[in-house]
Amino acid sequence: MMSDRDGAWIVSDPAVLGGRPHIRGSTVTVARVLELIGGGKTVDDMLREEPALSRAAIDAAVRFSGRLSH
């Protein structure tokens, strides 16, 4: 279950990106954030390369993915 603070960032709508969880107001998926991290990108790298992201959005995506793995 998403916390209220994550719900402000992570959304899923069947009409947008096929329902994949993504950062609200963007087309950046949670999976994309994880791919960037897995590829060695730092938070600062991601903020430069993905203008729709913020530190809070990245943190929410990581927390969201952690809940999916349990």
PDB file of N, CA and C in Angstrom:
ATOM      1  N   MET A   1       0.836  -1.182   0.000  1.00  0.00           N
ATOM      2  CA  MET A   1       0.000   0.000   0.000  1.00  0.00           C
ATOM      3  C   MET A   1       0.882   1.246   0.000  1.00  0.00           C
ATOM      4  N   MET A   2       0.504   2.235  -0.804  1.00  0.00           N
ATOM      5  CA  MET A   2       1.271   3.469  -0.864  1.00  0.00           C
ATOM      6  C   MET A   2       0.956   4.345   0.334  1.00  0.00           C
ATOM      7  N   SER A   3       1.981   5.019   0.824  1.00  0.00           N
ATOM      8  CA  SER A   3       1.729   6.015   1.857  1.00  0.00           C
ATOM      9  C   SER A   3       1.131   7.245   1.183  1.00  0.00           C
ATOM     10  N   ASP A   4       0.541   8.134   1.971  1.00  0.00           N
ATOM     11  CA  ASP A   4      -0.027   9.347   1.404  1.00  0.00           C
ATOM     12  C   ASP A   4       1.020  10.149   0.652  1.00  0.00           C
ATOM     13  N   ARG A   5       2.225  10.203   1.193  1.00  0.00           N
ATOM     14  CA  ARG A   5       3.242  11.010   0.515  1.00  0.00           C
ATOM     15  C   ARG A   5       3.647  10.380  -0.813  1.00  0.00           C
ATOM     16  N   ASP A   6       3.659   9.049  -0.901  1.00  0.00           N
ATOM     17  CA  ASP A   6       3.987   8.405  -2.173  1.00  0.00           C
ATOM     18  C   ASP A   6       2.852   8.571  -3.168  1.00  0.00           C
ATOM     19  N   GLY A   7       1.624   8.566  -2.688  1.00  0.00           N
ATOM     20  CA  GLY A   7       0.481   8.738  -3.561  1.00  0.00           C
ATOM     21  C   GLY A   7       0.499  10.073  -4.274  1.00  0.00           C
ATOM     22  N   ALA A   8       1.181  11.029  -3.689  1.00  0.00           N
ATOM     23  CA  ALA A   8       1.321  12.322  -4.347  1.00  0.00           C
ATOM     24  C   ALA A   8       2.243  12.223  -5.559  1.00  0.00           C
ATOM     25  N   TRP A   9       3.073  11.201  -5.594  1.00  0.00           N
ATOM     26  CA  TRP A   9       4.058  11.053  -6.675  1.00  0.00           C
ATOM     27  C   TRP A   9       3.783   9.895  -7.603  1.00  0.00           C
ATOM     28  N   ILE A  10       3.406   8.753  -7.077  1.00  0.00           N
ATOM     29  CA  ILE A  10       3.281   7.536  -7.881  1.00  0.00           C
ATOM     30  C   ILE A  10       1.818   7.282  -8.192  1.00  0.00           C
ATOM     31  N   VAL A  11       1.505   7.204  -9.473  1.00  0.00           N
ATOM     32  CA  VAL A  11       0.129   6.962  -9.905  1.00  0.00           C
ATOM     33  C   VAL A  11       0.104   5.845 -10.933  1.00  0.00           C
ATOM     34  N   SER A  12      -1.062   5.270 -11.089  1.00  0.00           N
ATOM     35  CA  SER A  12      -1.260   4.236 -12.087  1.00  0.00           C
ATOM     36  C   SER A  12      -2.668   4.402 -12.648  1.00  0.00           C
ATOM     37  N   ASP A  13      -2.756   4.503 -13.950  1.00  0.00           N
ATOM     38  CA  ASP A  13      -4.035   4.703 -14.623  1.00  0.00           C
ATOM     39  C   ASP A  13      -4.008   3.857 -15.896  1.00  0.00           C
ATOM     40  N   PRO A  14      -4.983   2.976 -16.070  1.00  0.00           N
ATOM     41  CA  PRO A  14      -4.985   2.119 -17.265  1.00  0.00           C
ATOM     42  C   PRO A  14      -4.926   2.911 -18.577  1.00  0.00           C
ATOM     43  N   ALA A  15      -5.366   4.152 -18.566  1.00  0.00           N
ATOM     44  CA  ALA A  15      -5.359   4.962 -19.777  1.00  0.00           C
ATOM     45  C   ALA A  15      -4.019   5.646 -20.032  1.00  0.00           C
ATOM     46  N   VAL A  16      -3.100   5.555 -19.082  1.00  0.00           N
ATOM     47  CA  VAL A  16      -1.799   6.210 -19.220  1.00  0.00           C
ATOM     48  C   VAL A  16      -0.703   5.165 -19.074  1.00  0.00           C
ATOM     49  N   LEU A  17       0.139   5.051 -20.075  1.00  0.00           N
ATOM     50  CA  LEU A  17       1.273   4.121 -20.061  1.00  0.00           C
ATOM     51  C   LEU A  17       0.838   2.687 -19.758  1.00  0.00           C
ATOM     52  N   GLY A  18      -0.348   2.327 -20.215  1.00  0.00           N
ATOM     53  CA  GLY A  18      -0.831   0.959 -20.015  1.00  0.00           C
ATOM     54  C   GLY A  18      -1.013   0.589 -18.556  1.00  0.00           C
ATOM     55  N   GLY A  19      -1.156   1.582 -17.701  1.00  0.00           N
ATOM     56  CA  GLY A  19      -1.369   1.311 -16.280  1.00  0.00           C
ATOM     57  C   GLY A  19      -0.103   1.121 -15.476  1.00  0.00           C
ATOM     58  N   ARG A  20       1.050   1.266 -16.126  1.00  0.00           N
ATOM     59  CA  ARG A  20       2.309   1.115 -15.380  1.00  0.00           C
ATOM     60  C   ARG A  20       2.460   2.255 -14.381  1.00  0.00           C
ATOM     61  N   PRO A  21       2.917   1.963 -13.166  1.00  0.00           N
ATOM     62  CA  PRO A  21       3.135   3.016 -12.168  1.00  0.00           C
ATOM     63  C   PRO A  21       4.166   4.020 -12.682  1.00  0.00           C
ATOM     64  N   HIS A  22       3.835   5.294 -12.535  1.00  0.00           N
ATOM     65  CA  HIS A  22       4.723   6.342 -13.037  1.00  0.00           C
ATOM     66  C   HIS A  22       4.645   7.566 -12.136  1.00  0.00           C
ATOM     67  N   ILE A  23       5.564   8.486 -12.382  1.00  0.00           N
ATOM     68  CA  ILE A  23       5.611   9.735 -11.628  1.00  0.00           C
ATOM     69  C   ILE A  23       4.462  10.615 -12.115  1.00  0.00           C
ATOM     70  N   ARG A  24       3.665  11.073 -11.176  1.00  0.00           N
ATOM     71  CA  ARG A  24       2.509  11.920 -11.512  1.00  0.00           C
ATOM     72  C   ARG A  24       2.932  13.080 -12.411  1.00  0.00           C
ATOM     73  N   GLY A  25       2.154  13.312 -13.469  1.00  0.00           N
ATOM     74  CA  GLY A  25       2.407  14.430 -14.373  1.00  0.00           C
ATOM     75  C   GLY A  25       3.528  14.198 -15.367  1.00  0.00           C
ATOM     76  N   SER A  26       3.997  12.958 -15.460  1.00  0.00           N
ATOM     77  CA  SER A  26       5.102  12.660 -16.380  1.00  0.00           C
ATOM     78  C   SER A  26       4.870  11.308 -17.037  1.00  0.00           C
ATOM     79  N   THR A  27       5.779  10.966 -17.928  1.00  0.00           N
ATOM     80  CA  THR A  27       5.776   9.620 -18.509  1.00  0.00           C
ATOM     81  C   THR A  27       6.959   8.803 -17.991  1.00  0.00           C
ATOM     82  N   VAL A  28       7.553   9.233 -16.910  1.00  0.00           N
ATOM     83  CA  VAL A  28       8.675   8.513 -16.300  1.00  0.00           C
ATOM     84  C   VAL A  28       8.093   7.439 -15.385  1.00  0.00           C
ATOM     85  N   THR A  29       8.327   6.174 -15.744  1.00  0.00           N
ATOM     86  CA  THR A  29       7.802   5.071 -14.953  1.00  0.00           C
ATOM     87  C   THR A  29       8.714   4.753 -13.770  1.00  0.00           C
ATOM     88  N   VAL A  30       8.117   4.080 -12.796  1.00  0.00           N
ATOM     89  CA  VAL A  30       8.915   3.588 -11.664  1.00  0.00           C
ATOM     90  C   VAL A  30      10.010   2.674 -12.203  1.00  0.00           C
ATOM     91  N   ALA A  31       9.669   1.850 -13.182  1.00  0.00           N
ATOM     92  CA  ALA A  31      10.661   0.947 -13.773  1.00  0.00           C
ATOM     93  C   ALA A  31      11.830   1.728 -14.366  1.00  0.00           C
ATOM     94  N   ARG A  32      11.560   2.859 -14.999  1.00  0.00           N
ATOM     95  CA  ARG A  32      12.626   3.678 -15.583  1.00  0.00           C
ATOM     96  C   ARG A  32      13.552   4.221 -14.510  1.00  0.00           C
ATOM     97  N   VAL A  33      12.969   4.677 -13.406  1.00  0.00           N
ATOM     98  CA  VAL A  33      13.796   5.160 -12.293  1.00  0.00           C
ATOM     99  C   VAL A  33      14.719   4.041 -11.818  1.00  0.00           C
ATOM    100  N   LEU A  34      14.172   2.843 -11.672  1.00  0.00           N
ATOM    101  CA  LEU A  34      14.989   1.710 -11.218  1.00  0.00           C
ATOM    102  C   LEU A  34      16.048   1.330 -12.242  1.00  0.00           C
ATOM    103  N   GLU A  35      15.712   1.414 -13.536  1.00  0.00           N
ATOM    104  CA  GLU A  35      16.706   1.150 -14.582  1.00  0.00           C
ATOM    105  C   GLU A  35      17.868   2.131 -14.479  1.00  0.00           C
ATOM    106  N   LEU A  36      17.557   3.397 -14.271  1.00  0.00           N
ATOM    107  CA  LEU A  36      18.607   4.410 -14.152  1.00  0.00           C
ATOM    108  C   LEU A  36      19.505   4.118 -12.954  1.00  0.00           C
ATOM    109  N   ILE A  37      18.885   3.779 -11.817  1.00  0.00           N
ATOM    110  CA  ILE A  37      19.672   3.450 -10.629  1.00  0.00           C
ATOM    111  C   ILE A  37      20.526   2.218 -10.888  1.00  0.00           C
ATOM    112  N   GLY A  38      19.915   1.201 -11.485  1.00  0.00           N
ATOM    113  CA  GLY A  38      20.643  -0.033 -11.793  1.00  0.00           C
ATOM    114  C   GLY A  38      21.788   0.185 -12.767  1.00  0.00           C
ATOM    115  N   GLY A  39      21.653   1.200 -13.598  1.00  0.00           N
ATOM    116  CA  GLY A  39      22.700   1.530 -14.562  1.00  0.00           C
ATOM    117  C   GLY A  39      23.797   2.403 -13.982  1.00  0.00           C
ATOM    118  N   GLY A  40      23.687   2.687 -12.681  1.00  0.00           N
ATOM    119  CA  GLY A  40      24.740   3.448 -12.026  1.00  0.00           C
ATOM    120  C   GLY A  40      24.507   4.941 -11.954  1.00  0.00           C
ATOM    121  N   LYS A  41      23.327   5.396 -12.358  1.00  0.00           N
ATOM    122  CA  LYS A  41      23.043   6.828 -12.287  1.00  0.00           C
ATOM    123  C   LYS A  41      22.843   7.255 -10.841  1.00  0.00           C
ATOM    124  N   THR A  42      23.349   8.411 -10.517  1.00  0.00           N
ATOM    125  CA  THR A  42      23.120   8.981  -9.193  1.00  0.00           C
ATOM    126  C   THR A  42      21.829   9.801  -9.242  1.00  0.00           C
ATOM    127  N   VAL A  43      21.350  10.192  -8.076  1.00  0.00           N
ATOM    128  CA  VAL A  43      20.161  11.048  -8.030  1.00  0.00           C
ATOM    129  C   VAL A  43      20.438  12.337  -8.798  1.00  0.00           C
ATOM    130  N   ASP A  44      21.593  12.918  -8.607  1.00  0.00           N
ATOM    131  CA  ASP A  44      21.933  14.153  -9.329  1.00  0.00           C
ATOM    132  C   ASP A  44      21.943  13.936 -10.840  1.00  0.00           C
ATOM    133  N   ASP A  45      22.457  12.790 -11.300  1.00  0.00           N
ATOM    134  CA  ASP A  45      22.426  12.462 -12.731  1.00  0.00           C
ATOM    135  C   ASP A  45      20.987  12.427 -13.229  1.00  0.00           C
ATOM    136  N   MET A  46      20.121  11.736 -12.470  1.00  0.00           N
ATOM    137  CA  MET A  46      18.730  11.599 -12.885  1.00  0.00           C
ATOM    138  C   MET A  46      18.025  12.945 -12.925  1.00  0.00           C
ATOM    139  N   LEU A  47      18.313  13.800 -11.958  1.00  0.00           N
ATOM    140  CA  LEU A  47      17.684  15.117 -11.935  1.00  0.00           C
ATOM    141  C   LEU A  47      18.090  15.945 -13.154  1.00  0.00           C
ATOM    142  N   ARG A  48      19.319  15.784 -13.599  1.00  0.00           N
ATOM    143  CA  ARG A  48      19.784  16.502 -14.789  1.00  0.00           C
ATOM    144  C   ARG A  48      19.162  15.931 -16.062  1.00  0.00           C
ATOM    145  N   GLU A  49      19.052  14.613 -16.132  1.00  0.00           N
ATOM    146  CA  GLU A  49      18.635  13.942 -17.366  1.00  0.00           C
ATOM    147  C   GLU A  49      17.122  13.795 -17.528  1.00  0.00           C
ATOM    148  N   GLU A  50      16.392  13.800 -16.455  1.00  0.00           N
ATOM    149  CA  GLU A  50      14.934  13.615 -16.501  1.00  0.00           C
ATOM    150  C   GLU A  50      14.278  14.806 -15.803  1.00  0.00           C
ATOM    151  N   PRO A  51      13.969  15.869 -16.534  1.00  0.00           N
ATOM    152  CA  PRO A  51      13.448  17.090 -15.913  1.00  0.00           C
ATOM    153  C   PRO A  51      12.152  16.898 -15.119  1.00  0.00           C
ATOM    154  N   ALA A  52      11.402  15.856 -15.396  1.00  0.00           N
ATOM    155  CA  ALA A  52      10.140  15.629 -14.676  1.00  0.00           C
ATOM    156  C   ALA A  52      10.372  15.073 -13.276  1.00  0.00           C
ATOM    157  N   LEU A  53      11.594  14.689 -12.969  1.00  0.00           N
ATOM    158  CA  LEU A  53      11.887  14.084 -11.669  1.00  0.00           C
ATOM    159  C   LEU A  53      12.285  15.117 -10.635  1.00  0.00           C
ATOM    160  N   SER A  54      12.064  14.741  -9.394  1.00  0.00           N
ATOM    161  CA  SER A  54      12.553  15.495  -8.243  1.00  0.00           C
ATOM    162  C   SER A  54      13.108  14.465  -7.267  1.00  0.00           C
ATOM    163  N   ARG A  55      13.840  14.919  -6.280  1.00  0.00           N
ATOM    164  CA  ARG A  55      14.348  13.985  -5.269  1.00  0.00           C
ATOM    165  C   ARG A  55      13.202  13.248  -4.597  1.00  0.00           C
ATOM    166  N   ALA A  56      12.139  13.967  -4.288  1.00  0.00           N
ATOM    167  CA  ALA A  56      10.990  13.347  -3.622  1.00  0.00           C
ATOM    168  C   ALA A  56      10.351  12.287  -4.519  1.00  0.00           C
ATOM    169  N   ALA A  57      10.268  12.547  -5.814  1.00  0.00           N
ATOM    170  CA  ALA A  57       9.680  11.577  -6.741  1.00  0.00           C
ATOM    171  C   ALA A  57      10.560  10.327  -6.847  1.00  0.00           C
ATOM    172  N   ILE A  58      11.865  10.517  -6.901  1.00  0.00           N
ATOM    173  CA  ILE A  58      12.790   9.381  -6.966  1.00  0.00           C
ATOM    174  C   ILE A  58      12.675   8.544  -5.695  1.00  0.00           C
ATOM    175  N   ASP A  59      12.664   9.202  -4.553  1.00  0.00           N
ATOM    176  CA  ASP A  59      12.511   8.491  -3.275  1.00  0.00           C
ATOM    177  C   ASP A  59      11.204   7.706  -3.246  1.00  0.00           C
ATOM    178  N   ALA A  60      10.116   8.319  -3.709  1.00  0.00           N
ATOM    179  CA  ALA A  60       8.816   7.645  -3.716  1.00  0.00           C
ATOM    180  C   ALA A  60       8.844   6.427  -4.634  1.00  0.00           C
ATOM    181  N   ALA A  61       9.503   6.538  -5.785  1.00  0.00           N
ATOM    182  CA  ALA A  61       9.593   5.411  -6.711  1.00  0.00           C
ATOM    183  C   ALA A  61      10.360   4.248  -6.089  1.00  0.00           C
ATOM    184  N   VAL A  62      11.433   4.556  -5.394  1.00  0.00           N
ATOM    185  CA  VAL A  62      12.229   3.505  -4.745  1.00  0.00           C
ATOM    186  C   VAL A  62      11.418   2.843  -3.628  1.00  0.00           C
ATOM    187  N   ARG A  63      10.736   3.649  -2.810  1.00  0.00           N
ATOM    188  CA  ARG A  63       9.895   3.072  -1.744  1.00  0.00           C
ATOM    189  C   ARG A  63       8.789   2.201  -2.342  1.00  0.00           C
ATOM    190  N   PHE A  64       8.171   2.693  -3.409  1.00  0.00           N
ATOM    191  CA  PHE A  64       7.099   1.947  -4.080  1.00  0.00           C
ATOM    192  C   PHE A  64       7.621   0.600  -4.574  1.00  0.00           C
ATOM    193  N   SER A  65       8.768   0.592  -5.209  1.00  0.00           N
ATOM    194  CA  SER A  65       9.317  -0.656  -5.747  1.00  0.00           C
ATOM    195  C   SER A  65       9.680  -1.621  -4.620  1.00  0.00           C
ATOM    196  N   GLY A  66      10.126  -1.084  -3.493  1.00  0.00           N
ATOM    197  CA  GLY A  66      10.454  -1.932  -2.357  1.00  0.00           C
ATOM    198  C   GLY A  66       9.229  -2.650  -1.811  1.00  0.00           C
ATOM    199  N   ARG A  67       8.098  -1.994  -1.824  1.00  0.00           N
ATOM    200  CA  ARG A  67       6.871  -2.618  -1.349  1.00  0.00           C
ATOM    201  C   ARG A  67       6.411  -3.710  -2.304  1.00  0.00           C
ATOM    202  N   LEU A  68       6.697  -3.545  -3.610  1.00  0.00           N
ATOM    203  CA  LEU A  68       6.293  -4.565  -4.571  1.00  0.00           C
ATOM    204  C   LEU A  68       7.087  -5.843  -4.416  1.00  0.00           C
ATOM    205  N   SER A  69       8.288  -5.743  -3.894  1.00  0.00           N
ATOM    206  CA  SER A  69       9.159  -6.918  -3.788  1.00  0.00           C
ATOM    207  C   SER A  69       8.882  -7.752  -2.551  1.00  0.00           C
ATOM    208  N   HIS A  70       8.000  -7.286  -1.683  1.00  0.00           N
ATOM    209  CA  HIS A  70       7.707  -8.034  -0.452  1.00  0.00           C
ATOM    210  C   HIS A  70       6.472  -8.855  -0.583  1.00  0.00           C
TER     211      HIS A  70
END
